[in-house]
C-alpha atoms as a PDB file:
ATOM      1  CA  MET A   1     -30.734 -12.580 -11.249  1.00  0.00           C
ATOM      2  CA  LYS A   2     -28.666  -9.409 -10.909  1.00  0.00           C
ATOM      3  CA  LYS A   3     -29.755  -9.013  -7.281  1.00  0.00           C
ATOM      4  CA  VAL A   4     -28.900 -12.637  -6.530  1.00  0.00           C
ATOM      5  CA  LEU A   5     -25.442 -12.316  -8.069  1.00  0.00           C
ATOM      6  CA  THR A   6     -24.830  -9.063  -6.209  1.00  0.00           C
ATOM      7  CA  GLY A   7     -25.708 -10.769  -2.938  1.00  0.00           C
ATOM      8  CA  ILE A   8     -23.414 -13.700  -3.660  1.00  0.00           C
ATOM      9  CA  ILE A   9     -20.497 -11.507  -4.687  1.00  0.00           C
ATOM     10  CA  GLY A  10     -21.075  -9.363  -1.610  1.00  0.00           C
ATOM     11  CA  SER A  11     -20.915 -12.419   0.621  1.00  0.00           C
ATOM     12  CA  LEU A  12     -17.681 -13.497  -1.058  1.00  0.00           C
ATOM     13  CA  ILE A  13     -16.114 -10.121  -0.317  1.00  0.00           C
ATOM     14  CA  VAL A  14     -17.349 -10.059   3.273  1.00  0.00           C
ATOM     15  CA  ALA A  15     -16.112 -13.596   3.865  1.00  0.00           C
ATOM     16  CA  GLY A  16     -12.732 -12.772   2.437  1.00  0.00           C
ATOM     17  CA  GLY A  17     -12.271  -9.223   3.635  1.00  0.00           C
ATOM     18  CA  LEU A  18     -10.473  -6.502   1.718  1.00  0.00           C
ATOM     19  CA  THR A  19      -6.724  -6.702   2.120  1.00  0.00           C
ATOM     20  CA  SER A  20      -3.832  -6.415  -0.313  1.00  0.00           C
ATOM     21  CA  TYR A  21      -2.327  -9.436  -2.036  1.00  0.00           C
ATOM     22  CA  SER A  22       0.144 -10.089  -4.826  1.00  0.00           C
ATOM     23  CA  ALA A  23      -1.143 -12.917  -6.989  1.00  0.00           C
ATOM     24  CA  ALA A  24       2.263 -13.332  -8.575  1.00  0.00           C
ATOM     25  CA  ALA A  25       3.986 -14.088  -5.288  1.00  0.00           C
ATOM     26  CA  ASN A  26       4.423 -17.699  -4.237  1.00  0.00           C
ATOM     27  CA  LYS A  27       4.653 -16.763  -0.592  1.00  0.00           C
ATOM     28  CA  THR A  28       2.217 -14.926   1.621  1.00  0.00           C
ATOM     29  CA  VAL A  29       3.877 -12.451   3.971  1.00  0.00           C
ATOM     30  CA  SER A  30       3.960 -13.787   7.509  1.00  0.00           C
ATOM     31  CA  THR A  31       1.571 -11.905   9.787  1.00  0.00           C
ATOM     32  CA  MET A  32       1.729 -13.854  13.009  1.00  0.00           C
ATOM     33  CA  PRO A  33      -0.560 -12.336  15.671  1.00  0.00           C
ATOM     34  CA  GLY A  34       1.113 -11.056  18.821  1.00  0.00           C
ATOM     35  CA  ARG A  35      -0.887 -12.798  21.533  1.00  0.00           C
ATOM     36  CA  GLY A  36      -0.367 -16.382  20.349  1.00  0.00           C
ATOM     37  CA  PRO A  37       3.454 -16.479  20.289  1.00  0.00           C
ATOM     38  CA  ALA A  38       3.685 -14.550  23.560  1.00  0.00           C
ATOM     39  CA  TYR A  39       1.373 -17.039  25.262  1.00  0.00           C
ATOM     40  CA  ILE A  40       3.107 -20.090  23.759  1.00  0.00           C
ATOM     41  CA  SER A  41       6.466 -18.740  24.926  1.00  0.00           C
ATOM     42  CA  THR A  42       5.315 -19.018  28.548  1.00  0.00           C
ATOM     43  CA  LEU A  43       4.843 -22.802  28.227  1.00  0.00           C
ATOM     44  CA  SER A  44       7.721 -25.085  29.149  1.00  0.00           C
ATOM     45  CA  LYS A  45       9.730 -27.162  26.710  1.00  0.00           C
ATOM     46  CA  GLU A  46       8.943 -30.848  27.261  1.00  0.00           C
ATOM     47  CA  PRO A  47      10.386 -34.122  25.906  1.00  0.00           C
ATOM     48  CA  LEU A  48       9.079 -35.117  22.470  1.00  0.00           C
ATOM     49  CA  SER A  49       7.963 -38.599  21.474  1.00  0.00           C
ATOM     50  CA  VAL A  50       8.595 -39.960  17.983  1.00  0.00           C
ATOM     51  CA  ARG A  51       4.890 -39.529  17.220  1.00  0.00           C
ATOM     52  CA  GLU A  52       4.887 -35.921  18.411  1.00  0.00           C
ATOM     53  CA  LYS A  53       7.850 -35.110  16.164  1.00  0.00           C
ATOM     54  CA  ARG A  54       6.189 -36.786  13.194  1.00  0.00           C
ATOM     55  CA  ASP A  55       2.912 -34.945  13.763  1.00  0.00           C
ATOM     56  CA  LEU A  56       4.608 -31.550  14.061  1.00  0.00           C
ATOM     57  CA  LEU A  57       6.417 -32.005  10.758  1.00  0.00           C
ATOM     58  CA  PHE A  58       3.257 -33.284   9.074  1.00  0.00           C
ATOM     59  CA  MET A  59       1.108 -30.422  10.386  1.00  0.00           C
ATOM     60  CA  ARG A  60       3.670 -27.895   9.157  1.00  0.00           C
ATOM     61  CA  GLU A  61       3.253 -29.222   5.611  1.00  0.00           C
ATOM     62  CA  GLU A  62      -0.501 -29.749   5.900  1.00  0.00           C
ATOM     63  CA  GLU A  63      -0.922 -26.059   6.728  1.00  0.00           C
ATOM     64  CA  LYS A  64       1.309 -25.310   3.735  1.00  0.00           C
ATOM     65  CA  LEU A  65      -0.953 -27.500   1.595  1.00  0.00           C
ATOM     66  CA  ALA A  66      -3.922 -25.336   2.560  1.00  0.00           C
ATOM     67  CA  ARG A  67      -2.019 -22.109   1.911  1.00  0.00           C
ATOM     68  CA  ASP A  68      -0.702 -23.241  -1.471  1.00  0.00           C
ATOM     69  CA  VAL A  69      -4.065 -24.551  -2.702  1.00  0.00           C
ATOM     70  CA  TYR A  70      -5.849 -21.349  -1.671  1.00  0.00           C
ATOM     71  CA  GLN A  71      -3.233 -19.197  -3.384  1.00  0.00           C
ATOM     72  CA  SER A  72      -3.718 -21.186  -6.585  1.00  0.00           C
ATOM     73  CA  LEU A  73      -7.519 -21.008  -6.344  1.00  0.00           C
ATOM     74  CA  TYR A  74      -7.395 -17.266  -5.752  1.00  0.00           C
ATOM     75  CA  GLU A  75      -5.431 -16.816  -8.966  1.00  0.00           C
ATOM     76  CA  MET A  76      -8.034 -18.901 -10.823  1.00  0.00           C
ATOM     77  CA  TRP A  77     -11.194 -17.326  -9.401  1.00  0.00           C
ATOM     78  CA  ASN A  78     -10.100 -13.979  -7.918  1.00  0.00           C
ATOM     79  CA  ILE A  79     -12.346 -14.484  -4.873  1.00  0.00           C
ATOM     80  CA  PRO A  80     -11.102 -12.736  -1.678  1.00  0.00           C
ATOM     81  CA  VAL A  81     -12.004 -15.650   0.607  1.00  0.00           C
ATOM     82  CA  PHE A  82      -9.153 -17.706  -0.891  1.00  0.00           C
ATOM     83  CA  ARG A  83      -6.675 -14.851  -0.634  1.00  0.00           C
ATOM     84  CA  ASN A  84      -7.443 -14.067   2.984  1.00  0.00           C
ATOM     85  CA  ILE A  85      -7.610 -17.630   4.247  1.00  0.00           C
ATOM     86  CA  ALA A  86      -4.254 -18.267   2.535  1.00  0.00           C
ATOM     87  CA  LYS A  87      -2.842 -15.530   4.768  1.00  0.00           C
ATOM     88  CA  SER A  88      -4.388 -17.197   7.798  1.00  0.00           C
ATOM     89  CA  GLU A  89      -2.795 -20.506   6.805  1.00  0.00           C
ATOM     90  CA  GLN A  90       0.565 -18.733   6.712  1.00  0.00           C
ATOM     91  CA  ARG A  91      -0.001 -17.739  10.337  1.00  0.00           C
ATOM     92  CA  HIS A  92      -0.773 -21.375  11.113  1.00  0.00           C
ATOM     93  CA  MET A  93       2.482 -22.384   9.444  1.00  0.00           C
ATOM     94  CA  ASP A  94       4.315 -19.800  11.536  1.00  0.00           C
ATOM     95  CA  MET A  95       2.879 -21.188  14.766  1.00  0.00           C
ATOM     96  CA  ILE A  96       4.084 -24.690  13.899  1.00  0.00           C
ATOM     97  CA  LYS A  97       7.470 -23.242  12.912  1.00  0.00           C
ATOM     98  CA  LEU A  98       7.783 -21.778  16.420  1.00  0.00           C
ATOM     99  CA  LEU A  99       7.575 -25.306  17.810  1.00  0.00           C
ATOM    100  CA  ILE A 100       9.882 -26.781  15.172  1.00  0.00           C
ATOM    101  CA  ASP A 101      12.536 -24.221  16.085  1.00  0.00           C
ATOM    102  CA  LYS A 102      11.898 -24.626  19.800  1.00  0.00           C
ATOM    103  CA  TYR A 103      12.501 -28.386  19.631  1.00  0.00           C
ATOM    104  CA  GLY A 104      15.356 -28.233  17.124  1.00  0.00           C
ATOM    105  CA  LEU A 105      13.615 -30.182  14.344  1.00  0.00           C
ATOM    106  CA  GLN A 106      14.458 -29.997  10.650  1.00  0.00           C
ATOM    107  CA  ASP A 107      11.782 -27.976   8.882  1.00  0.00           C
ATOM    108  CA  PRO A 108      10.382 -29.803   5.811  1.00  0.00           C
ATOM    109  CA  VAL A 109       9.264 -26.487   4.302  1.00  0.00           C
ATOM    110  CA  GLU A 110      12.824 -25.181   4.353  1.00  0.00           C
ATOM    111  CA  ILE A 111      14.038 -28.419   2.775  1.00  0.00           C
ATOM    112  CA  THR A 112      11.733 -27.872  -0.230  1.00  0.00           C
ATOM    113  CA  GLY A 113      12.501 -24.151  -0.407  1.00  0.00           C
ATOM    114  CA  ASP A 114       8.885 -23.221   0.426  1.00  0.00           C
ATOM    115  CA  LYS A 115       7.951 -23.522  -3.248  1.00  0.00           C
ATOM    116  CA  ARG A 116       4.261 -23.570  -3.957  1.00  0.00           C
ATOM    117  CA  GLY A 117       2.940 -27.072  -4.564  1.00  0.00           C
ATOM    118  CA  VAL A 118       6.181 -28.798  -3.533  1.00  0.00           C
ATOM    119  CA  PHE A 119       6.101 -31.067  -0.467  1.00  0.00           C
ATOM    120  CA  LYS A 120       8.454 -33.488   1.236  1.00  0.00           C
ATOM    121  CA  ASN A 121       5.466 -35.631   2.241  1.00  0.00           C
ATOM    122  CA  LYS A 122       4.396 -37.640  -0.833  1.00  0.00           C
ATOM    123  CA  ARG A 123       0.794 -37.993   0.344  1.00  0.00           C
ATOM    124  CA  LEU A 124       0.443 -34.218   0.580  1.00  0.00           C
ATOM    125  CA  GLN A 125       2.203 -33.790  -2.764  1.00  0.00           C
ATOM    126  CA  SER A 126      -0.394 -35.997  -4.454  1.00  0.00           C
ATOM    127  CA  LEU A 127      -3.273 -34.372  -2.575  1.00  0.00           C
ATOM    128  CA  TYR A 128      -2.190 -30.899  -3.677  1.00  0.00           C
ATOM    129  CA  ARG A 129      -2.416 -31.882  -7.347  1.00  0.00           C
ATOM    130  CA  LYS A 130      -5.843 -33.505  -6.890  1.00  0.00           C
ATOM    131  CA  LEU A 131      -7.305 -30.554  -4.999  1.00  0.00           C
ATOM    132  CA  VAL A 132      -6.049 -27.922  -7.426  1.00  0.00           C
ATOM    133  CA  LYS A 133      -7.327 -29.978 -10.366  1.00  0.00           C
ATOM    134  CA  LYS A 134     -10.777 -30.288  -8.789  1.00  0.00           C
ATOM    135  CA  GLY A 135     -10.837 -26.625  -7.788  1.00  0.00           C
ATOM    136  CA  SER A 136     -10.084 -25.551 -11.352  1.00  0.00           C
ATOM    137  CA  LYS A 137     -13.349 -27.035 -12.679  1.00  0.00           C
ATOM    138  CA  SER A 138     -15.743 -24.439 -11.271  1.00  0.00           C
ATOM    139  CA  LEU A 139     -16.114 -21.938  -8.449  1.00  0.00           C
ATOM    140  CA  ILE A 140     -18.418 -24.363  -6.620  1.00  0.00           C
ATOM    141  CA  ASP A 141     -15.762 -27.070  -6.872  1.00  0.00           C
ATOM    142  CA  ALA A 142     -13.153 -24.615  -5.597  1.00  0.00           C
ATOM    143  CA  LEU A 143     -15.281 -23.724  -2.564  1.00  0.00           C
ATOM    144  CA  GLU A 144     -15.898 -27.412  -1.874  1.00  0.00           C
ATOM    145  CA  VAL A 145     -12.135 -27.970  -2.023  1.00  0.00           C
ATOM    146  CA  GLY A 146     -11.760 -25.296   0.652  1.00  0.00           C
ATOM    147  CA  ALA A 147     -14.326 -26.966   2.898  1.00  0.00           C
ATOM    148  CA  THR A 148     -12.676 -30.357   2.307  1.00  0.00           C
ATOM    149  CA  ILE A 149      -9.244 -29.064   3.320  1.00  0.00           C
ATOM    150  CA  GLU A 150     -10.613 -27.668   6.581  1.00  0.00           C
ATOM    151  CA  ASP A 151     -12.600 -30.871   7.160  1.00  0.00           C
ATOM    152  CA  LEU A 152      -9.403 -32.926   6.821  1.00  0.00           C
ATOM    153  CA  ASP A 153      -7.373 -30.472   8.881  1.00  0.00           C
ATOM    154  CA  ILE A 154      -9.790 -30.668  11.820  1.00  0.00           C
ATOM    155  CA  LYS A 155      -9.733 -34.477  11.705  1.00  0.00           C
ATOM    156  CA  ASP A 156      -5.929 -34.599  11.647  1.00  0.00           C
ATOM    157  CA  LEU A 157      -5.681 -32.085  14.496  1.00  0.00           C
ATOM    158  CA  HIS A 158      -8.044 -34.196  16.603  1.00  0.00           C
ATOM    159  CA  GLU A 159      -5.768 -37.193  16.055  1.00  0.00           C
ATOM    160  CA  ALA A 160      -2.592 -35.222  16.772  1.00  0.00           C
ATOM    161  CA  LEU A 161      -4.079 -33.873  20.010  1.00  0.00           C
ATOM    162  CA  LYS A 162      -4.740 -37.425  21.194  1.00  0.00           C
ATOM    163  CA  ASP A 163      -1.046 -38.238  20.799  1.00  0.00           C
ATOM    164  CA  THR A 164       0.543 -35.344  22.678  1.00  0.00           C
ATOM    165  CA  ASP A 165       0.563 -34.217  26.289  1.00  0.00           C
ATOM    166  CA  ASN A 166       2.952 -31.293  25.696  1.00  0.00           C
ATOM    167  CA  GLN A 167       1.027 -28.176  26.639  1.00  0.00           C
ATOM    168  CA  ASP A 168       2.756 -25.902  24.120  1.00  0.00           C
ATOM    169  CA  ILE A 169       1.976 -28.275  21.250  1.00  0.00           C
ATOM    170  CA  ARG A 170      -1.599 -28.736  22.429  1.00  0.00           C
ATOM    171  CA  ALA A 171      -2.089 -24.969  22.667  1.00  0.00           C
ATOM    172  CA  VAL A 172      -0.865 -24.473  19.093  1.00  0.00           C
ATOM    173  CA  TYR A 173      -3.065 -27.292  17.792  1.00  0.00           C
ATOM    174  CA  GLN A 174      -6.100 -25.840  19.570  1.00  0.00           C
ATOM    175  CA  ASN A 175      -5.444 -22.466  17.940  1.00  0.00           C
ATOM    176  CA  LEU A 176      -5.103 -24.112  14.534  1.00  0.00           C
ATOM    177  CA  MET A 177      -8.351 -25.993  15.026  1.00  0.00           C
ATOM    178  CA  LYS A 178     -10.140 -22.789  15.965  1.00  0.00           C
ATOM    179  CA  GLY A 179      -8.895 -21.254  12.723  1.00  0.00           C
ATOM    180  CA  SER A 180      -9.987 -24.272  10.688  1.00  0.00           C
ATOM    181  CA  ARG A 181     -13.480 -24.072  12.163  1.00  0.00           C
ATOM    182  CA  ASN A 182     -13.689 -20.430  11.119  1.00  0.00           C
ATOM    183  CA  HIS A 183     -12.452 -21.250   7.624  1.00  0.00           C
ATOM    184  CA  MET A 184     -15.030 -24.013   7.276  1.00  0.00           C
ATOM    185  CA  ARG A 185     -17.739 -21.544   8.304  1.00  0.00           C
ATOM    186  CA  ALA A 186     -16.561 -19.120   5.609  1.00  0.00           C
ATOM    187  CA  PHE A 187     -16.549 -21.683   2.790  1.00  0.00           C
ATOM    188  CA  THR A 188     -19.831 -23.358   3.729  1.00  0.00           C
ATOM    189  CA  ARG A 189     -21.584 -20.015   4.197  1.00  0.00           C
ATOM    190  CA  ILE A 190     -20.777 -19.102   0.593  1.00  0.00           C
ATOM    191  CA  LEU A 191     -21.730 -22.561  -0.678  1.00  0.00           C
ATOM    192  CA  ARG A 192     -25.109 -22.210   1.022  1.00  0.00           C
ATOM    193  CA  ARG A 193     -25.621 -18.960  -0.883  1.00  0.00           C
ATOM    194  CA  TYR A 194     -25.394 -21.081  -4.011  1.00  0.00           C
ATOM    195  CA  GLY A 195     -27.816 -23.629  -2.561  1.00  0.00           C
ATOM    196  CA  ILE A 196     -25.066 -26.191  -1.914  1.00  0.00           C
ATOM    197  CA  GLU A 197     -24.711 -28.026   1.413  1.00  0.00           C
ATOM    198  CA  TYR A 198     -21.236 -29.447   1.953  1.00  0.00           C
ATOM    199  CA  LYS A 199     -21.120 -33.078   3.097  1.00  0.00           C
ATOM    200  CA  PRO A 200     -18.312 -33.757   5.600  1.00  0.00           C
ATOM    201  CA  GLN A 201     -15.893 -36.479   4.537  1.00  0.00           C
ATOM    202  CA  TYR A 202     -13.626 -36.690   7.584  1.00  0.00           C
ATOM    203  CA  ILE A 203     -15.343 -35.329  10.695  1.00  0.00           C
ATOM    204  CA  SER A 204     -18.755 -36.472  11.905  1.00  0.00           C
ATOM    205  CA  GLU A 205     -21.991 -34.907  10.701  1.00  0.00           C
ATOM    206  CA  LYS A 206     -22.692 -33.872  14.286  1.00  0.00           C
ATOM    207  CA  GLU A 207     -19.400 -32.017  14.661  1.00  0.00           C
ATOM    208  CA  TYR A 208     -19.777 -30.439  11.237  1.00  0.00           C
ATOM    209  CA  LEU A 209     -23.238 -29.058  12.019  1.00  0.00           C
ATOM    210  CA  SER A 210     -22.118 -27.776  15.412  1.00  0.00           C
ATOM    211  CA  ILE A 211     -19.359 -25.816  13.650  1.00  0.00           C
ATOM    212  CA  VAL A 212     -21.250 -24.318  10.715  1.00  0.00           C
ATOM    213  CA  ASN A 213     -24.297 -23.429  12.809  1.00  0.00           C
ATOM    214  CA  SER A 214     -22.277 -21.577  15.447  1.00  0.00           C
ATOM    215  CA  LYS A 215     -20.722 -18.126  15.433  1.00  0.00           C
ATOM    216  CA  HIS A 216     -17.314 -17.156  14.100  1.00  0.00           C
ATOM    217  CA  GLU A 217     -14.705 -17.407  16.874  1.00  0.00           C
ATOM    218  CA  ILE A 218     -12.888 -14.116  17.340  1.00  0.00           C
ATOM    219  CA  GLY A 219      -9.497 -13.508  18.914  1.00  0.00           C
ATOM    220  CA  VAL A 220      -9.491 -16.276  21.505  1.00  0.00           C
ATOM    221  CA  VAL A 221      -6.275 -17.983  22.567  1.00  0.00           C
ATOM    222  CA  TYR A 222      -6.836 -21.546  23.731  1.00  0.00           C
ATOM    223  CA  SER A 223      -4.856 -23.425  26.325  1.00  0.00           C
ATOM    224  CA  GLY A 224      -3.571 -26.920  25.686  1.00  0.00           C
ATOM    225  CA  ASN A 225      -6.737 -28.291  27.268  1.00  0.00           C
ATOM    226  CA  GLY A 226      -8.935 -26.548  24.727  1.00  0.00           C
ATOM    227  CA  LYS A 227     -10.241 -24.040  27.255  1.00  0.00           C
ATOM    228  CA  ALA A 228     -10.296 -20.316  26.667  1.00  0.00           C
ATOM    229  CA  VAL A 229      -7.661 -18.380  28.581  1.00  0.00           C
ATOM    230  CA  ASN A 230      -7.664 -14.681  29.292  1.00  0.00           C
ATOM    231  CA  PRO A 231      -5.842 -13.156  26.289  1.00  0.00           C
ATOM    232  CA  PHE A 232      -4.809 -10.219  28.484  1.00  0.00           C
ATOM    233  CA  GLN A 233      -3.381 -12.366  31.251  1.00  0.00           C
ATOM    234  CA  ILE A 234      -0.126 -11.477  32.951  1.00  0.00           C
ATOM    235  CA  ILE A 235       2.773 -13.219  31.202  1.00  0.00           C
ATOM    236  CA  THR A 236       6.147 -14.084  32.736  1.00  0.00           C
ATOM    237  CA  LEU A 237       9.148 -14.675  30.473  1.00  0.00           C
ATOM    238  CA  GLU A 238      12.697 -15.719  31.265  1.00  0.00           C
ATOM    239  CA  GLY A 239      15.553 -15.387  28.830  1.00  0.00           C
ATOM    240  CA  LYS A 240      18.666 -13.523  27.731  1.00  0.00           C
ATOM    241  CA  ILE A 241      18.903 -10.010  26.344  1.00  0.00           C
ATOM    242  CA  ILE A 242      20.184 -10.162  22.768  1.00  0.00           C
ATOM    243  CA  LYS A 243      19.442  -6.575  21.754  1.00  0.00           C
ATOM    244  CA  VAL A 244      18.523  -3.240  23.365  1.00  0.00           C
ATOM    245  CA  TYR A 245      17.321  -0.539  21.002  1.00  0.00           C
ATOM    246  CA  GLN A 246      14.997   2.384  20.356  1.00  0.00           C
ATOM    247  CA  ARG A 247      11.992   2.211  18.065  1.00  0.00           C
ATOM    248  CA  LYS A 248       9.039   4.362  17.092  1.00  0.00           C
ATOM    249  CA  GLY A 249       6.025   4.065  19.335  1.00  0.00           C
ATOM    250  CA  TYR A 250       3.641   1.147  19.396  1.00  0.00           C
ATOM    251  CA  GLY A 251       0.576   3.371  19.222  1.00  0.00           C
ATOM    252  CA  ASN A 252       1.740   6.925  18.615  1.00  0.00           C
ATOM    253  CA  ARG A 253       4.474   6.725  15.983  1.00  0.00           C
ATOM    254  CA  LYS A 254       5.897  10.072  17.091  1.00  0.00           C
ATOM    255  CA  VAL A 255       6.897   8.684  20.483  1.00  0.00           C
ATOM    256  CA  VAL A 256      10.200   6.785  20.594  1.00  0.00           C
ATOM    257  CA  TRP A 257      10.402   3.800  22.955  1.00  0.00           C
ATOM    258  CA  TRP A 258      13.102   1.713  24.553  1.00  0.00           C
ATOM    259  CA  ALA A 259      12.716  -1.941  23.611  1.00  0.00           C
ATOM    260  CA  ALA A 260      14.671  -5.151  24.044  1.00  0.00           C
ATOM    261  CA  LYS A 261      14.819  -8.451  22.225  1.00  0.00           C
ATOM    262  CA  VAL A 262      14.794 -11.380  24.649  1.00  0.00           C
ATOM    263  CA  LYS A 263      15.795 -14.889  23.591  1.00  0.00           C
ATOM    264  CA  THR A 264      13.587 -17.508  25.264  1.00  0.00           C
ATOM    265  CA  ASP A 265      13.230 -21.258  24.790  1.00  0.00           C
ATOM    266  CA  SER A 266      10.292 -20.525  22.477  1.00  0.00           C
ATOM    267  CA  GLY A 267      12.058 -17.951  20.320  1.00  0.00           C
ATOM    268  CA  ASN A 268      12.836 -14.251  20.358  1.00  0.00           C
ATOM    269  CA  ILE A 269      10.274 -11.924  21.941  1.00  0.00           C
ATOM    270  CA  GLU A 270      10.207  -8.134  21.696  1.00  0.00           C
ATOM    271  CA  VAL A 271       9.768  -6.410  25.055  1.00  0.00           C
ATOM    272  CA  ALA A 272       8.399  -2.862  25.097  1.00  0.00           C
ATOM    273  CA  ILE A 273      10.022  -1.057  28.036  1.00  0.00           C
ATOM    274  CA  ALA A 274       9.142   2.649  28.202  1.00  0.00           C
ATOM    275  CA  PRO A 275       9.225   5.887  26.182  1.00  0.00           C
ATOM    276  CA  VAL A 276      12.722   7.341  25.808  1.00  0.00           C
ATOM    277  CA  TRP A 277      11.693  10.609  27.453  1.00  0.00           C
ATOM    278  CA  LEU A 278      11.155   8.711  30.710  1.00  0.00           C
ATOM    279  CA  TYR A 279      14.602   7.086  30.697  1.00  0.00           C
ATOM    280  CA  SER A 280      17.717   8.662  29.223  1.00  0.00           C
ATOM    281  CA  SER A 281      19.361   5.222  29.341  1.00  0.00           C
ATOM    282  CA  ILE A 282      18.440   1.627  30.141  1.00  0.00           C
ATOM    283  CA  ASP A 283      20.731  -0.525  32.278  1.00  0.00           C
ATOM    284  CA  LEU A 284      20.267  -3.783  30.379  1.00  0.00           C
ATOM    285  CA  LYS A 285      23.285  -5.634  28.988  1.00  0.00           C
ATOM    286  CA  ILE A 286      23.558  -7.997  26.029  1.00  0.00           C
ATOM    287  CA  GLY A 287      23.724 -11.595  27.272  1.00  0.00           C
ATOM    288  CA  GLU A 288      22.219 -10.726  30.648  1.00  0.00           C
ATOM    289  CA  LYS A 289      19.516 -13.022  32.013  1.00  0.00           C
ATOM    290  CA  VAL A 290      16.222 -11.300  32.783  1.00  0.00           C
ATOM    291  CA  THR A 291      12.771 -12.101  34.089  1.00  0.00           C
ATOM    292  CA  VAL A 292      10.011 -10.060  32.491  1.00  0.00           C
ATOM    293  CA  THR A 293       6.362  -9.791  33.487  1.00  0.00           C
ATOM    294  CA  GLY A 294       3.931  -8.072  31.169  1.00  0.00           C
ATOM    295  CA  TYR A 295       0.909  -8.416  28.925  1.00  0.00           C
ATOM    296  CA  VAL A 296      -0.036  -8.159  25.257  1.00  0.00           C
ATOM    297  CA  PRO A 297      -2.084  -5.018  24.443  1.00  0.00           C
ATOM    298  CA  PRO A 298      -5.173  -5.781  22.333  1.00  0.00           C
ATOM    299  CA  PHE A 299      -4.121  -3.625  19.363  1.00  0.00           C
ATOM    300  CA  TRP A 300      -0.818  -5.493  19.002  1.00  0.00           C
ATOM    301  CA  ARG A 301      -2.684  -8.395  17.395  1.00  0.00           C
ATOM    302  CA  ILE A 302      -3.936  -6.071  14.662  1.00  0.00           C
ATOM    303  CA  ASN A 303      -0.462  -4.599  14.151  1.00  0.00           C
ATOM    304  CA  ASN A 304       1.187  -8.057  14.195  1.00  0.00           C
ATOM    305  CA  ILE A 305       3.615  -7.230  16.997  1.00  0.00           C
ATOM    306  CA  ASN A 306       5.169 -10.378  18.460  1.00  0.00           C
ATOM    307  CA  GLY A 307       5.992  -9.276  21.975  1.00  0.00           C
ATOM    308  CA  ILE A 308       4.802  -8.046  25.344  1.00  0.00           C
ATOM    309  CA  MET A 309       4.434  -4.736  27.151  1.00  0.00           C
ATOM    310  CA  ALA A 310       6.700  -5.023  30.193  1.00  0.00           C
ATOM    311  CA  CYS A 311       5.364  -4.314  33.662  1.00  0.00           C
ATOM    312  CA  THR A 312       8.540  -5.348  35.481  1.00  0.00           C
ATOM    313  CA  ILE A 313      12.016  -6.326  34.328  1.00  0.00           C
ATOM    314  CA  GLU A 314      14.481  -7.865  36.766  1.00  0.00           C
ATOM    315  CA  THR A 315      18.061  -8.718  35.856  1.00  0.00           C
ATOM    316  CA  GLU A 316      20.279 -11.424  37.320  1.00  0.00           C
ATOM    317  CA  LYS A 317      22.323  -8.643  38.960  1.00  0.00           C
ATOM    318  CA  GLY A 318      19.333  -7.361  40.889  1.00  0.00           C
ATOM    319  CA  VAL A 319      18.460  -4.319  38.788  1.00  0.00           C
ATOM    320  CA  LYS A 320      14.679  -4.024  38.697  1.00  0.00           C
ATOM    321  CA  TYR A 321      12.423  -1.785  36.659  1.00  0.00           C
ATOM    322  CA  ASN A 322       8.875  -1.356  37.977  1.00  0.00           C
ATOM    323  CA  LEU A 323       7.345   0.092  34.852  1.00  0.00           C
ATOM    324  CA  ARG A 324       3.578  -0.061  35.080  1.00  0.00           C
ATOM    325  CA  ASP A 325       0.655  -1.656  36.866  1.00  0.00           C
ATOM    326  CA  CYS A 326      -0.170  -4.752  34.838  1.00  0.00           C
ATOM    327  CA  ASN A 327      -3.556  -5.134  36.455  1.00  0.00           C
ATOM    328  CA  ARG A 328      -4.654  -1.784  35.102  1.00  0.00           C
ATOM    329  CA  PHE A 329      -3.115  -2.368  31.680  1.00  0.00           C
ATOM    330  CA  ASN A 330      -1.253   0.874  31.374  1.00  0.00           C
ATOM    331  CA  LYS A 331      -4.098   3.102  32.623  1.00  0.00           C
ATOM    332  CA  ARG A 332      -1.954   4.204  35.532  1.00  0.00           C
ATOM    333  CA  LEU A 333       1.812   4.321  34.963  1.00  0.00           C
ATOM    334  CA  ARG A 334       4.352   3.910  37.740  1.00  0.00           C
ATOM    335  CA  PHE A 335       7.966   4.468  36.761  1.00  0.00           C
ATOM    336  CA  ASN A 336      10.265   3.614  39.645  1.00  0.00           C
ATOM    337  CA  ARG A 337      13.855   2.504  39.520  1.00  0.00           C
END
């Protein structure tokens, strides 16, 4: 029995990972990965239908439902899988918030003060109470609650995808669905260790089995059509400079870099320009329109940097910085003014 319990506990830790968490906090710190927002920011703003607006607001709170339930279950059972997936749900909330801000919608989470277990949507309010009550009965019940939430989330995302043709919204929903599939794999893998097979309530048995019997999906950004796109693709951004500043290096903290904050239709993006020792000054003005091409270095996702490494920056006045060869991803630097 001791060996069996050790194996189960080990699987719980592996599924959840080992990261810090404050059980007393109602909010999980936002850790939005860098590649997603940078990619979404390249997609155009399109007209919204009434249904698209409704779905965005609902999905924002449904992701909050998942986060809040998992935070509560972690406090009850102290199992890392709940803690870590709660953090992932916060990232999902952040992705939806990008779209809410982009389209000028009123955020339901801000209306309720982002208090745990408090929702503007009455259906989600009732569901939160039911899920937490069920999850408090036993660890098995808690894990089944986790699988049920992801089951429902995938079903709702399928429906929302049918009702939108906006590529930015579709891309966010595809990313959320990828995350939900991974979460379902985590919960069902642990349940199977206990000899329990989860029965899907919302998606089909066929889809469920295809998810749980396939590998964990790692670091893939999906396009609005559900197809994988190159996460290191060249990105082009247009916007206005709102800040030019120096910051410690993105890799080597001893190296100080020039950076700029660019306001785009999809939000503010940090643009890494070049180390200070290469340029004594940068001729970029606040309020100036710029076009930036660049890419997102792989390690930025780990460090939660929401931005791009600039290859070229061109201002509306014709000043152009040719900073590096994007196609070689910083292996060969070219600094020309």
